[in-house]
Protein backbone atom coordinates (compact mmCIF):
# COMPACT_ATOMS: atom_id res chain seq x y z
CA MET A 1 -15.54 -25.39 15.92
CA ASP A 2 -14.19 -27.07 12.74
CA PRO A 3 -10.78 -28.98 14.13
CA ARG A 4 -9.53 -27.97 10.83
CA ILE A 5 -8.65 -24.22 11.53
CA ARG A 6 -5.71 -24.23 13.41
CA LEU A 7 -3.59 -20.87 14.80
CA MET A 8 0.25 -20.56 14.66
CA GLN A 9 2.45 -17.84 15.02
CA GLY A 10 4.84 -17.32 12.38
CA ASP A 11 6.13 -16.27 9.45
CA ILE A 12 3.63 -17.09 6.26
CA THR A 13 6.50 -17.41 3.47
CA ARG A 14 8.31 -20.01 5.41
CA LEU A 15 5.39 -22.33 5.58
CA ALA A 16 5.38 -25.98 3.84
CA VAL A 17 1.31 -25.78 3.08
CA ASP A 18 -0.17 -26.29 -0.67
CA ALA A 19 -1.32 -22.31 -0.68
CA ILE A 20 -0.74 -19.34 1.52
CA VAL A 21 -3.00 -16.42 0.73
CA ASN A 22 -1.49 -12.96 0.22
CA ALA A 23 -3.09 -9.76 1.42
CA ALA A 24 -2.40 -8.11 -1.65
CA ASN A 25 -2.97 -4.40 -3.04
CA GLU A 26 -5.69 -4.12 -6.06
CA SER A 27 -2.63 -3.71 -8.54
CA LEU A 28 -1.14 -7.10 -7.45
CA LEU A 29 2.32 -5.91 -8.25
CA GLY A 30 3.94 -6.02 -4.49
CA GLY A 31 3.36 -3.50 -1.87
CA GLY A 32 4.61 -3.31 1.66
CA GLY A 33 3.93 -6.07 4.71
CA VAL A 34 2.82 -9.52 4.00
CA ASP A 35 2.63 -8.48 0.50
CA GLY A 36 6.33 -7.26 0.20
CA ALA A 37 7.27 -10.34 2.04
CA ILE A 38 5.38 -13.17 -0.30
CA HIS A 39 6.83 -10.95 -3.41
CA ARG A 40 10.49 -11.04 -2.21
CA ALA A 41 10.36 -14.78 -1.02
CA ALA A 42 9.04 -16.03 -4.29
CA GLY A 43 11.34 -14.10 -6.56
CA PRO A 44 10.51 -11.95 -9.56
CA GLU A 45 8.72 -14.57 -11.37
CA LEU A 46 5.32 -13.69 -9.13
CA LEU A 47 5.60 -10.20 -10.07
CA VAL A 48 5.55 -11.52 -13.88
CA GLU A 49 2.65 -13.62 -13.73
CA CYS A 50 1.14 -10.72 -11.31
CA CYS A 51 1.22 -8.59 -14.15
CA ARG A 52 -0.39 -10.73 -16.54
CA LEU A 53 -3.64 -10.84 -14.19
CA GLY A 54 -4.31 -7.18 -14.35
CA GLY A 55 -5.30 -6.73 -11.07
CA CYS A 56 -7.94 -7.61 -8.36
CA PRO A 57 -10.83 -6.21 -6.99
CA THR A 58 -11.76 -5.69 -3.45
CA GLY A 59 -13.18 -8.66 -1.63
CA GLN A 60 -11.79 -10.89 -4.75
CA ALA A 61 -8.99 -13.40 -5.16
CA ARG A 62 -6.65 -14.66 -7.78
CA LEU A 63 -4.19 -17.55 -7.87
CA THR A 64 -0.53 -17.75 -8.99
CA GLN A 65 2.08 -19.92 -8.64
CA GLY A 66 4.34 -19.76 -5.74
CA TYR A 67 7.78 -19.95 -7.14
CA ARG A 68 10.48 -19.93 -4.60
CA LEU A 69 7.62 -20.40 -1.80
CA PRO A 70 7.44 -23.81 -0.17
CA ALA A 71 3.52 -23.16 -0.74
CA ARG A 72 2.79 -24.13 -4.35
CA PHE A 73 0.52 -21.71 -4.81
CA VAL A 74 -0.52 -18.16 -3.89
CA VAL A 75 -4.26 -17.03 -3.12
CA HIS A 76 -3.77 -13.17 -3.96
CA THR A 77 -6.43 -11.50 -2.18
CA VAL A 78 -7.68 -7.52 -1.72
CA GLY A 79 -8.90 -6.80 1.97
CA PRO A 80 -10.85 -3.57 2.62
CA VAL A 81 -9.63 -0.48 4.19
CA TRP A 82 -10.96 0.47 7.19
CA HIS A 83 -13.32 3.64 7.38
CA GLY A 84 -14.88 2.90 10.38
CA GLY A 85 -17.22 -0.06 9.80
CA GLY A 86 -19.70 1.43 7.81
CA ARG A 87 -18.90 0.83 4.12
CA GLY A 88 -19.11 -2.81 4.23
CA GLU A 89 -16.10 -3.65 5.32
CA ALA A 90 -17.29 -6.82 7.20
CA GLU A 91 -18.78 -8.29 4.13
CA LEU A 92 -15.74 -7.29 1.87
CA LEU A 93 -13.47 -9.26 4.69
CA ALA A 94 -15.61 -12.12 4.78
CA SER A 95 -15.68 -12.29 0.67
CA CYS A 96 -11.44 -12.32 0.48
CA TYR A 97 -11.81 -15.47 3.07
CA ARG A 98 -14.75 -17.22 1.14
CA ASN A 99 -13.21 -16.19 -2.34
CA SER A 100 -9.56 -17.51 -1.10
CA LEU A 101 -10.74 -20.87 0.34
CA ALA A 102 -12.95 -21.57 -2.45
CA LEU A 103 -9.82 -20.70 -5.11
CA ALA A 104 -7.40 -22.90 -3.12
CA ALA A 105 -9.85 -25.83 -2.89
CA GLN A 106 -10.55 -25.46 -6.78
CA ALA A 107 -7.08 -25.71 -7.58
CA GLY A 108 -6.46 -28.84 -5.16
CA ALA A 109 -4.84 -27.28 -2.55
CA LYS A 110 -5.44 -29.42 0.79
CA SER A 111 -3.59 -27.21 3.43
CA LEU A 112 -3.93 -23.26 3.27
CA ALA A 113 -2.93 -20.61 5.22
CA PHE A 114 -4.25 -17.18 5.58
CA PRO A 115 -2.49 -13.75 7.52
CA ALA A 116 -4.34 -11.38 9.06
CA ILE A 117 -6.15 -9.82 6.07
CA SER A 118 -6.65 -5.94 6.27
CA CYS A 119 -4.58 -5.56 9.68
CA GLY A 120 -1.66 -3.75 8.65
CA VAL A 121 -1.66 -0.60 6.91
CA TYR A 122 -5.38 -1.03 6.16
CA GLY A 123 -6.31 -0.15 9.79
CA TYR A 124 -8.91 -3.01 10.05
CA PRO A 125 -9.26 -3.64 13.84
CA VAL A 126 -7.26 -6.71 14.55
CA GLU A 127 -9.85 -8.00 17.25
CA GLU A 128 -12.80 -7.41 14.48
CA ALA A 129 -10.87 -8.93 11.61
CA CYS A 130 -9.77 -12.15 13.49
CA ARG A 131 -13.86 -12.67 13.87
CA VAL A 132 -14.47 -12.32 10.49
CA ALA A 133 -11.91 -14.45 9.73
CA VAL A 134 -12.89 -17.34 12.17
CA THR A 135 -16.45 -16.89 11.68
CA THR A 136 -16.48 -17.21 7.84
CA LEU A 137 -14.33 -19.99 7.88
CA ALA A 138 -16.50 -21.89 10.20
CA GLU A 139 -19.27 -21.44 7.67
CA GLU A 140 -17.24 -22.26 4.48
CA LEU A 141 -15.12 -25.21 5.53
CA PRO A 142 -17.97 -27.55 5.53
CA LEU A 143 -18.57 -26.89 1.94
CA TRP A 144 -14.67 -27.74 1.24
CA PRO A 145 -14.40 -31.41 2.76
CA GLU A 146 -11.11 -32.00 0.72
CA MET A 147 -9.36 -29.20 2.67
CA GLU A 148 -7.53 -30.57 5.21
CA VAL A 149 -6.13 -27.94 7.13
CA VAL A 150 -6.58 -24.18 7.04
CA TYR A 151 -4.16 -21.98 9.49
CA LEU A 152 -4.67 -18.59 10.93
CA VAL A 153 -1.04 -17.05 10.78
CA ALA A 154 -0.57 -14.30 13.28
CA PHE A 155 2.85 -12.33 12.59
CA ASP A 156 2.66 -11.30 16.30
CA LYS A 157 1.61 -12.59 19.59
CA ARG A 158 -1.18 -9.78 19.98
CA VAL A 159 -2.87 -11.17 16.57
CA LEU A 160 -2.37 -14.73 17.93
CA ASP A 161 -4.06 -13.46 21.03
CA ALA A 162 -6.93 -12.08 18.86
CA TYR A 163 -7.51 -15.39 17.12
CA HIS A 164 -7.55 -17.35 20.26
CA ARG A 165 -10.22 -15.01 21.98
CA CYS A 166 -12.48 -15.33 18.76
CA LEU A 167 -12.17 -18.90 18.01
CA GLY A 168 -13.13 -19.60 21.69
CA SER A 169 -16.11 -17.24 21.32
CA VAL A 170 -17.42 -18.95 18.20
CA ALA A 171 -16.53 -22.19 19.42
């Protein structure tokens, strides 16, 4: 397993990394969960910049400044809503990780933090989502040698434990 992948529990809005990933909705105009917390912590300038982006399709990513966050950039990605796994959810979720990593690296970020994308109101099963995250990052990180560290940030112990199990099974 790539030693640049690190697990932690905490508040992604407080991390002093080059970029954090926002589990956004397609409008990019804020919402609940991680999305709302990032918008509140970044300040109103983030909403102004997001309005200019015109939204983001599921599986894709968009880059903004971090404003009042410790992070220089916010990578907004739209994860899939869970419909039972038969509607391409795993590939869309993997695409969120691939596109976010690429966008951050292309912007010059050397450190990046991801939340558990789609695990909140979008209903993605935590264990499956963590497996997709760990597997996709393990496959994609070798393409971005300039990326020094990628954090998978769990808001609670349940998600952190799932990340640990998935990291151990991919190693």
